[in-house]
Structures are given as structure tokens and as C-alpha cells.
C-alpha atoms as a PDB file:
ATOM      1  CA  UNK A   1      41.719 -10.113 -44.654  1.00  0.00           C
ATOM      2  CA  UNK A   2      44.219  -7.814 -46.411  1.00  0.00           C
ATOM      3  CA  UNK A   3      45.296  -4.206 -46.645  1.00  0.00           C
ATOM      4  CA  UNK A   4      43.063  -2.220 -48.975  1.00  0.00           C
ATOM      5  CA  UNK A   5      39.939  -4.290 -48.384  1.00  0.00           C
ATOM      6  CA  UNK A   6      36.653  -2.519 -47.643  1.00  0.00           C
ATOM      7  CA  UNK A   7      34.231  -3.744 -44.983  1.00  0.00           C
ATOM      8  CA  UNK A   8      30.810  -2.512 -43.908  1.00  0.00           C
ATOM      9  CA  UNK A   9      30.745  -2.246 -40.108  1.00  0.00           C
ATOM     10  CA  UNK A  10      27.641  -1.876 -37.948  1.00  0.00           C
ATOM     11  CA  UNK A  11      27.822   1.053 -35.489  1.00  0.00           C
ATOM     12  CA  UNK A  12      31.629   0.935 -35.102  1.00  0.00           C
ATOM     13  CA  UNK A  13      31.851   3.665 -32.438  1.00  0.00           C
ATOM     14  CA  UNK A  14      29.562   5.217 -29.862  1.00  0.00           C
ATOM     15  CA  UNK A  15      29.807   8.619 -31.531  1.00  0.00           C
ATOM     16  CA  UNK A  16      28.991   7.294 -35.013  1.00  0.00           C
ATOM     17  CA  UNK A  17      25.652   8.708 -36.139  1.00  0.00           C
ATOM     18  CA  UNK A  18      25.056   6.255 -38.977  1.00  0.00           C
ATOM     19  CA  UNK A  19      23.950   2.689 -38.383  1.00  0.00           C
ATOM     20  CA  UNK A  20      26.701   1.420 -40.722  1.00  0.00           C
ATOM     21  CA  UNK A  21      30.027   2.759 -41.978  1.00  0.00           C
ATOM     22  CA  UNK A  22      32.423   1.344 -44.570  1.00  0.00           C
ATOM     23  CA  UNK A  23      36.099   1.141 -43.596  1.00  0.00           C
ATOM     24  CA  UNK A  24      39.280   0.408 -45.542  1.00  0.00           C
ATOM     25  CA  UNK A  25      42.011  -1.577 -43.805  1.00  0.00           C
ATOM     26  CA  UNK A  26      45.245   0.451 -43.859  1.00  0.00           C
ATOM     27  CA  UNK A  27      47.402  -1.699 -41.548  1.00  0.00           C
ATOM     28  CA  UNK A  28      50.262  -3.558 -43.211  1.00  0.00           C
ATOM     29  CA  UNK A  29      49.557  -7.186 -44.157  1.00  0.00           C
ATOM     30  CA  UNK A  30      52.188  -8.598 -41.793  1.00  0.00           C
ATOM     31  CA  UNK A  31      50.363  -6.934 -38.881  1.00  0.00           C
ATOM     32  CA  UNK A  32      46.944  -8.041 -40.145  1.00  0.00           C
ATOM     33  CA  UNK A  33      48.101 -11.677 -40.265  1.00  0.00           C
ATOM     34  CA  UNK A  34      49.592 -11.485 -36.747  1.00  0.00           C
ATOM     35  CA  UNK A  35      47.911 -12.423 -33.468  1.00  0.00           C
ATOM     36  CA  UNK A  36      46.916  -8.816 -32.780  1.00  0.00           C
ATOM     37  CA  UNK A  37      43.158  -8.548 -32.579  1.00  0.00           C
ATOM     38  CA  UNK A  38      42.783  -5.070 -34.061  1.00  0.00           C
ATOM     39  CA  UNK A  39      43.696  -3.350 -37.337  1.00  0.00           C
ATOM     40  CA  UNK A  40      43.971   0.302 -38.331  1.00  0.00           C
ATOM     41  CA  UNK A  41      41.226   1.429 -40.689  1.00  0.00           C
ATOM     42  CA  UNK A  42      40.163   4.586 -42.500  1.00  0.00           C
ATOM     43  CA  UNK A  43      36.466   5.468 -42.804  1.00  0.00           C
ATOM     44  CA  UNK A  44      34.665   5.988 -46.095  1.00  0.00           C
ATOM     45  CA  UNK A  45      32.264   8.932 -46.417  1.00  0.00           C
ATOM     46  CA  UNK A  46      29.865   9.741 -49.251  1.00  0.00           C
ATOM     47  CA  UNK A  47      30.489  13.466 -48.867  1.00  0.00           C
ATOM     48  CA  UNK A  48      33.890  14.457 -50.191  1.00  0.00           C
ATOM     49  CA  UNK A  49      35.856  17.497 -49.095  1.00  0.00           C
ATOM     50  CA  UNK A  50      38.481  17.483 -51.835  1.00  0.00           C
ATOM     51  CA  UNK A  51      41.325  17.217 -49.334  1.00  0.00           C
ATOM     52  CA  UNK A  52      44.618  15.703 -50.452  1.00  0.00           C
ATOM     53  CA  UNK A  53      44.220  13.254 -47.567  1.00  0.00           C
ATOM     54  CA  UNK A  54      41.171  11.711 -49.238  1.00  0.00           C
ATOM     55  CA  UNK A  55      41.090   8.932 -51.820  1.00  0.00           C
ATOM     56  CA  UNK A  56      38.123   8.871 -54.171  1.00  0.00           C
ATOM     57  CA  UNK A  57      36.404   5.472 -54.364  1.00  0.00           C
ATOM     58  CA  UNK A  58      33.126   4.212 -55.754  1.00  0.00           C
ATOM     59  CA  UNK A  59      31.379   1.481 -57.697  1.00  0.00           C
ATOM     60  CA  UNK A  60      34.652  -0.103 -58.895  1.00  0.00           C
ATOM     61  CA  UNK A  61      35.555  -0.768 -55.252  1.00  0.00           C
ATOM     62  CA  UNK A  62      32.161  -2.323 -54.469  1.00  0.00           C
ATOM     63  CA  UNK A  63      30.395   0.771 -53.132  1.00  0.00           C
ATOM     64  CA  UNK A  64      26.941   2.041 -54.142  1.00  0.00           C
ATOM     65  CA  UNK A  65      27.986   5.705 -54.348  1.00  0.00           C
ATOM     66  CA  UNK A  66      31.000   7.794 -55.197  1.00  0.00           C
ATOM     67  CA  UNK A  67      32.756   8.334 -51.869  1.00  0.00           C
ATOM     68  CA  UNK A  68      36.099   9.142 -50.278  1.00  0.00           C
ATOM     69  CA  UNK A  69      38.438   7.338 -47.887  1.00  0.00           C
ATOM     70  CA  UNK A  70      39.401   9.842 -45.173  1.00  0.00           C
ATOM     71  CA  UNK A  71      42.967   9.274 -44.043  1.00  0.00           C
ATOM     72  CA  UNK A  72      42.727  12.033 -41.412  1.00  0.00           C
ATOM     73  CA  UNK A  73      40.257   9.975 -39.374  1.00  0.00           C
ATOM     74  CA  UNK A  74      42.036   6.653 -38.683  1.00  0.00           C
ATOM     75  CA  UNK A  75      40.593   4.225 -36.157  1.00  0.00           C
ATOM     76  CA  UNK A  76      41.598   0.891 -34.642  1.00  0.00           C
ATOM     77  CA  UNK A  77      38.878  -1.732 -35.082  1.00  0.00           C
ATOM     78  CA  UNK A  78      38.673  -5.289 -33.756  1.00  0.00           C
ATOM     79  CA  UNK A  79      39.121  -7.831 -36.547  1.00  0.00           C
ATOM     80  CA  UNK A  80      35.927  -9.618 -35.517  1.00  0.00           C
ATOM     81  CA  UNK A  81      33.772  -6.648 -36.648  1.00  0.00           C
ATOM     82  CA  UNK A  82      35.226  -6.833 -40.173  1.00  0.00           C
ATOM     83  CA  UNK A  83      32.968  -9.532 -41.569  1.00  0.00           C
ATOM     84  CA  UNK A  84      30.859  -7.811 -44.236  1.00  0.00           C
ATOM     85  CA  UNK A  85      33.333  -7.658 -47.149  1.00  0.00           C
ATOM     86  CA  UNK A  86      32.465  -5.004 -49.761  1.00  0.00           C
ATOM     87  CA  UNK A  87      35.444  -4.994 -52.136  1.00  0.00           C
ATOM     88  CA  UNK A  88      39.061  -3.950 -52.397  1.00  0.00           C
ATOM     89  CA  UNK A  89      41.209  -1.124 -53.690  1.00  0.00           C
ATOM     90  CA  UNK A  90      43.065  -1.505 -56.975  1.00  0.00           C
ATOM     91  CA  UNK A  91      46.851  -1.262 -57.071  1.00  0.00           C
ATOM     92  CA  UNK A  92      46.518   2.362 -58.256  1.00  0.00           C
ATOM     93  CA  UNK A  93      44.122   3.197 -55.411  1.00  0.00           C
ATOM     94  CA  UNK A  94      46.555   1.620 -52.909  1.00  0.00           C
ATOM     95  CA  UNK A  95      49.234   4.003 -54.229  1.00  0.00           C
ATOM     96  CA  UNK A  96      46.828   6.924 -53.753  1.00  0.00           C
ATOM     97  CA  UNK A  97      46.022   5.646 -50.252  1.00  0.00           C
ATOM     98  CA  UNK A  98      49.725   5.479 -49.401  1.00  0.00           C
ATOM     99  CA  UNK A  99      50.217   9.066 -50.552  1.00  0.00           C
ATOM    100  CA  UNK A 100      47.141  10.307 -48.648  1.00  0.00           C
ATOM    101  CA  UNK A 101      48.396   8.567 -45.488  1.00  0.00           C
ATOM    102  CA  UNK A 102      51.840  10.155 -45.904  1.00  0.00           C
ATOM    103  CA  UNK A 103      50.216  13.579 -46.079  1.00  0.00           C
ATOM    104  CA  UNK A 104      47.818  12.919 -43.179  1.00  0.00           C
ATOM    105  CA  UNK A 105      50.628  11.696 -40.942  1.00  0.00           C
ATOM    106  CA  UNK A 106      53.220  14.192 -42.220  1.00  0.00           C
ATOM    107  CA  UNK A 107      55.588  11.457 -43.398  1.00  0.00           C
ATOM    108  CA  UNK A 108      57.983  12.812 -45.979  1.00  0.00           C
ATOM    109  CA  UNK A 109      58.771  10.931 -49.186  1.00  0.00           C
ATOM    110  CA  UNK A 110      62.225   9.411 -49.153  1.00  0.00           C
END
């Protein structure tokens, strides 16, 4: 399990309307490899809003459709629900993810 990996999760929250949702792990690798039982993830949606806090993803990342990672909607998920591996983000997509997270969390570039 590493940062930037995509997993398909069955009914991750009570308010989720879909039966499944894909999530990208955004926690840092040191945290992921620790004894903590949860990781921070960003959901993937097939409808894109064009926000600068979204990262476009698709077939190259293992998805069936063109979609977007929404960095404005972070969630903590237990590691044990992340079992259905879909794919992973490229180095370029990780850079885009980092930038989208900076914007979503109002972290200024140094």
C-alpha cells in the first residue's frame, strides 16, 4: 500500500449513494507504513467540475472512465477496506495531486 494508489471500496460511508467508490491514498508513505489503522484518501468521481482542486484520471490509472480525484473531499478510511487495488498515479499525476491538495488546504508554495 502506497501513496497514489487507487482502490475500489464498497460502500465506504453511510451517506455514500453508490455501492462502490474509488479512492486515491493521499497520506504520506511513512504514515501508511506505520501502525496507524487508517489513511487519508481522496474520492474519485466520474463527473468532473473543472476545479483546480481536481486531478483528471482515467484508463491509464486503471479506471474504466475518465474521472477526477476530488481533493476537496478528503476522508479517513481504515486500511482493511483498501483491498481491491485498481492502479496507481504516475509521477506526473502525483505532482498534480500535490498541487491540488495545496490549493484545497490553502497551503502556500514555499
